Amino acid sequence: MAPQIAPSILSADFARLADEIARIADSADWVHVDVMDNHFVPNLTLGLPVVQALLEHSALPLDCHLMIEDPDRWAPEYAEAGAKSVTIHAEAAKAPIRTLRAIRAAGARAGLGVNPATPVEGFEDILGEIDMLLLMTVEPGFGGQKFLDVVLPKVRRARELIKGRDLPVWLQVDGGVSTETIERCAEAGADVFVAGNAVYGADDPAEAVRRLRAQAEEATTKADW
């Protein structure tokens, strides 16, 4: 699969979210929406009502990343509202398979996110229930953090697990993705890249997306996975 870029509006101007999404409409693949509840992570961002409003104004599909305490309760509602991808965290879900199936049944791609210290090997048997595996490359909760290189071996292991099962599972990385790190992520096996500050901290967010995509594509052609 060709690399996909999902700019995170966590780094955008919250007072102008519709306009901020419009700035990347012609260059990005997804809009990444970080939903945080100040319980699972120590930050409070936005929730379902804001996502519902954004769906009316976004030309791009929404990729909702739920960093919340009770994803089993809330995740299907994001899919029902119209989000095209909904990711829950393995550390928070009490019934992950049931919730992943409910997300799919509501018409969205089902994602499973894991924190930097969470091994991926424990989820090999449920890869068939997942459309996307999200590996956090920072500790979740805040944008603008430094990329954790220690996660790169886990990206490689995750790619091998997916390849070994011959499944069409996307492998997403989120946290500290920039022009300095995206090539290493792509070479390790990632194919979906969340970028916040690298996009919205640039003078031209659309051009920043195009630059990141070009780097990821070049690195992917050199990768051995």
Protein backbone atom coordinates (compact mmCIF):
# COMPACT_ATOMS: atom_id res chain seq x y z
CA MET A 1 0.00 0.00 0.00
CA ALA A 2 1.19 3.50 -0.77
CA PRO A 3 2.01 5.59 2.32
CA GLN A 4 -0.85 7.61 3.76
CA ILE A 5 -0.55 10.87 5.70
CA ALA A 6 -3.02 11.75 8.47
CA PRO A 7 -2.39 15.24 9.89
CA SER A 8 -3.41 15.57 13.51
CA ILE A 9 -5.64 18.52 14.32
CA LEU A 10 -4.36 18.35 17.90
CA SER A 11 -1.70 20.73 16.58
CA ALA A 12 -4.14 22.90 14.64
CA ASP A 13 -5.91 26.09 15.72
CA PHE A 14 -8.89 24.80 17.73
CA ALA A 15 -10.79 28.03 17.10
CA ARG A 16 -10.66 27.41 13.33
CA LEU A 17 -10.78 23.64 12.93
CA ALA A 18 -12.90 23.58 9.76
CA ASP A 19 -10.54 26.06 8.11
CA GLU A 20 -7.50 24.13 9.32
CA ILE A 21 -8.84 20.94 7.73
CA ALA A 22 -9.49 22.81 4.48
CA ARG A 23 -5.80 23.77 4.35
CA ILE A 24 -4.80 20.11 3.90
CA ALA A 25 -7.81 18.90 1.91
CA ASP A 26 -5.90 18.55 -1.37
CA SER A 27 -2.81 16.84 0.03
CA ALA A 28 -3.68 14.61 3.00
CA ASP A 29 -5.42 11.23 3.10
CA TRP A 30 -7.08 11.53 6.50
CA VAL A 31 -7.78 13.97 9.30
CA HIS A 32 -6.49 12.46 12.54
CA VAL A 33 -8.67 13.42 15.51
CA ASP A 34 -7.23 12.82 18.98
CA VAL A 35 -10.02 12.29 21.50
CA MET A 36 -8.72 12.55 25.07
CA ASP A 37 -10.77 12.39 28.27
CA ASN A 38 -8.27 13.42 30.99
CA HIS A 39 -8.61 9.93 32.50
CA PHE A 40 -6.84 7.46 30.22
CA VAL A 41 -4.40 10.24 29.33
CA PRO A 42 -3.64 13.45 31.27
CA ASN A 43 -5.24 15.81 28.78
CA LEU A 44 -8.72 16.87 27.70
CA THR A 45 -9.34 17.68 24.04
CA LEU A 46 -12.62 17.14 22.20
CA GLY A 47 -15.37 14.57 21.91
CA LEU A 48 -18.25 13.24 19.86
CA PRO A 49 -20.16 16.54 19.40
CA VAL A 50 -17.09 18.21 17.87
CA VAL A 51 -16.44 15.19 15.65
CA GLN A 52 -20.05 15.32 14.46
CA ALA A 53 -19.61 19.00 13.59
CA LEU A 54 -16.34 18.37 11.77
CA LEU A 55 -17.92 15.64 9.68
CA GLU A 56 -20.21 18.26 8.16
CA HIS A 57 -17.26 20.40 7.05
CA SER A 58 -14.46 17.96 6.20
CA ALA A 59 -13.75 16.84 2.66
CA LEU A 60 -11.38 14.25 4.14
CA PRO A 61 -12.36 11.14 6.11
CA LEU A 62 -11.89 11.34 9.86
CA ASP A 63 -9.50 8.97 11.65
CA CYS A 64 -10.64 9.10 15.28
CA HIS A 65 -8.07 8.00 17.85
CA LEU A 66 -9.83 7.38 21.15
CA MET A 67 -7.51 7.88 24.11
CA ILE A 68 -10.33 7.45 26.59
CA GLU A 69 -11.13 5.31 29.61
CA ASP A 70 -14.22 3.52 28.28
CA PRO A 71 -13.77 2.94 24.53
CA ASP A 72 -16.12 -0.05 24.60
CA ARG A 73 -18.96 2.34 25.41
CA TRP A 74 -18.09 5.17 23.04
CA ALA A 75 -16.23 3.82 20.03
CA PRO A 76 -19.22 2.52 18.05
CA GLU A 77 -20.89 5.93 18.31
CA TYR A 78 -17.99 7.60 16.53
CA ALA A 79 -18.36 5.09 13.70
CA GLU A 80 -22.11 5.56 13.61
CA ALA A 81 -21.61 9.32 13.42
CA GLY A 82 -19.60 8.90 10.23
CA ALA A 83 -15.93 8.57 11.18
CA LYS A 84 -14.27 6.27 8.65
CA SER A 85 -11.64 4.93 11.07
CA VAL A 86 -11.96 4.50 14.83
CA THR A 87 -9.05 3.33 16.98
CA ILE A 88 -9.35 2.11 20.55
CA HIS A 89 -6.47 1.46 22.93
CA ALA A 90 -5.65 -2.08 23.99
CA GLU A 91 -4.76 -0.80 27.46
CA ALA A 92 -8.26 0.67 27.95
CA ALA A 93 -10.62 -1.75 26.22
CA LYS A 94 -12.23 -4.41 28.36
CA ALA A 95 -13.79 -6.28 25.44
CA PRO A 96 -11.60 -5.35 22.45
CA ILE A 97 -12.87 -7.97 20.00
CA ARG A 98 -16.50 -7.09 20.62
CA THR A 99 -15.74 -3.39 20.29
CA LEU A 100 -13.67 -3.80 17.13
CA ARG A 101 -16.49 -5.79 15.58
CA ALA A 102 -19.00 -3.13 16.58
CA ILE A 103 -16.86 -0.45 14.91
CA ARG A 104 -16.75 -2.47 11.72
CA ALA A 105 -20.47 -3.18 11.86
CA ALA A 106 -21.10 0.55 12.03
CA GLY A 107 -19.17 1.05 8.79
CA ALA A 108 -15.73 2.22 9.94
CA ARG A 109 -12.27 0.72 9.85
CA ALA A 110 -11.38 -0.73 13.26
CA GLY A 111 -8.05 0.22 14.78
CA LEU A 112 -6.20 -1.03 17.83
CA GLY A 113 -3.67 1.28 19.47
CA VAL A 114 -0.84 0.27 21.79
CA ASN A 115 1.37 2.44 23.97
CA PRO A 116 5.18 2.44 23.66
CA ALA A 117 5.73 -0.06 26.48
CA THR A 118 2.99 -2.47 25.36
CA PRO A 119 4.31 -5.48 23.39
CA VAL A 120 2.57 -6.22 20.10
CA GLU A 121 3.06 -9.99 20.21
CA GLY A 122 0.06 -10.44 22.51
CA PHE A 123 -2.28 -9.24 19.77
CA GLU A 124 -1.14 -11.56 16.99
CA ASP A 125 -4.15 -13.82 17.38
CA ILE A 126 -6.67 -10.99 16.94
CA LEU A 127 -5.05 -9.29 13.94
CA GLY A 128 -7.90 -10.62 11.84
CA GLU A 129 -10.27 -8.39 13.83
CA ILE A 130 -8.17 -5.28 13.10
CA ASP A 131 -8.02 -3.03 10.05
CA MET A 132 -5.22 -0.89 11.46
CA LEU A 133 -2.64 -1.35 14.20
CA LEU A 134 -1.52 1.95 15.73
CA LEU A 135 1.83 2.07 17.46
CA MET A 136 2.37 5.12 19.65
CA THR A 137 5.84 6.55 19.13
CA VAL A 138 5.42 8.89 22.12
CA GLU A 139 3.59 8.47 25.40
CA PRO A 140 -0.01 9.40 24.58
CA GLY A 141 -1.57 12.58 25.90
CA PHE A 142 0.19 15.56 24.37
CA GLY A 143 1.35 16.76 20.98
CA GLY A 144 4.83 18.05 20.27
CA GLN A 145 6.72 15.28 22.06
CA LYS A 146 10.05 13.88 20.95
CA PHE A 147 9.92 10.72 18.85
CA LEU A 148 10.84 7.55 20.77
CA ASP A 149 13.35 5.59 18.69
CA VAL A 150 12.95 2.63 21.04
CA VAL A 151 9.61 1.90 19.36
CA LEU A 152 11.16 1.27 15.93
CA PRO A 153 12.04 -2.39 16.68
CA LYS A 154 8.39 -2.89 17.66
CA VAL A 155 7.29 -1.40 14.33
CA ARG A 156 9.46 -3.99 12.59
CA ARG A 157 8.04 -6.82 14.70
CA ALA A 158 4.50 -5.64 14.00
CA ARG A 159 5.19 -5.60 10.27
CA GLU A 160 6.53 -9.14 10.45
CA LEU A 161 3.44 -10.30 12.35
CA ILE A 162 1.14 -8.74 9.75
CA LYS A 163 3.21 -10.11 6.90
CA GLY A 164 3.31 -13.55 8.50
CA ARG A 165 -0.47 -13.69 8.71
CA ASP A 166 -0.90 -12.26 5.18
CA LEU A 167 -3.47 -9.73 6.37
CA PRO A 168 -4.38 -6.33 4.87
CA VAL A 169 -3.76 -4.54 8.18
CA TRP A 170 -2.48 -0.97 8.00
CA LEU A 171 0.36 -0.09 10.36
CA GLN A 172 0.11 3.44 11.72
CA VAL A 173 2.63 5.41 13.78
CA ASP A 174 1.66 8.42 15.87
CA GLY A 175 3.91 10.78 17.78
CA GLY A 176 6.91 12.87 16.80
CA VAL A 177 6.55 12.02 13.11
CA SER A 178 8.42 14.64 11.09
CA THR A 179 10.81 15.07 8.18
CA GLU A 180 13.53 13.83 10.55
CA THR A 181 11.76 10.61 11.55
CA ILE A 182 9.28 9.54 8.88
CA GLU A 183 11.83 7.72 6.75
CA ARG A 184 12.91 5.53 9.67
CA CYS A 185 9.26 4.71 10.37
CA ALA A 186 8.60 3.79 6.75
CA GLU A 187 11.73 1.65 6.51
CA ALA A 188 10.66 -0.18 9.68
CA GLY A 189 7.27 -1.05 8.19
CA ALA A 190 4.76 1.75 8.89
CA ASP A 191 2.46 2.81 6.07
CA VAL A 192 0.13 5.33 7.76
CA PHE A 193 1.72 8.37 9.40
CA VAL A 194 0.15 10.78 11.88
CA ALA A 195 1.88 14.15 11.89
CA GLY A 196 0.83 17.12 13.99
CA ASN A 197 3.42 19.83 14.51
CA ALA A 198 5.26 18.80 11.35
CA VAL A 199 2.17 19.80 9.37
CA TYR A 200 0.43 22.54 11.32
CA GLY A 201 3.66 24.10 12.53
CA ALA A 202 4.65 24.74 8.92
CA ASP A 203 3.87 27.90 6.99
CA ASP A 204 2.21 25.79 4.30
CA PRO A 205 0.57 22.68 5.84
CA ALA A 206 -0.40 21.25 2.44
CA GLU A 207 3.18 21.43 1.21
CA ALA A 208 4.38 19.89 4.47
CA VAL A 209 2.08 16.91 3.84
CA ARG A 210 3.41 16.53 0.30
CA ARG A 211 6.99 16.61 1.57
CA LEU A 212 6.29 13.96 4.21
CA ARG A 213 4.57 11.77 1.65
CA ALA A 214 7.51 12.00 -0.75
CA GLN A 215 9.94 10.99 2.00
CA ALA A 216 7.76 8.06 3.08
CA GLU A 217 7.37 6.85 -0.50
CA GLU A 218 11.09 6.98 -1.14
CA ALA A 219 11.89 5.13 2.09
CA THR A 220 9.24 2.50 1.35
CA THR A 221 10.82 1.68 -2.00
CA LYS A 222 14.07 0.91 -0.16
CA ALA A 223 12.46 -1.15 2.60
CA ASP A 224 12.74 -4.94 2.63
CA TRP A 225 9.31 -5.69 4.06
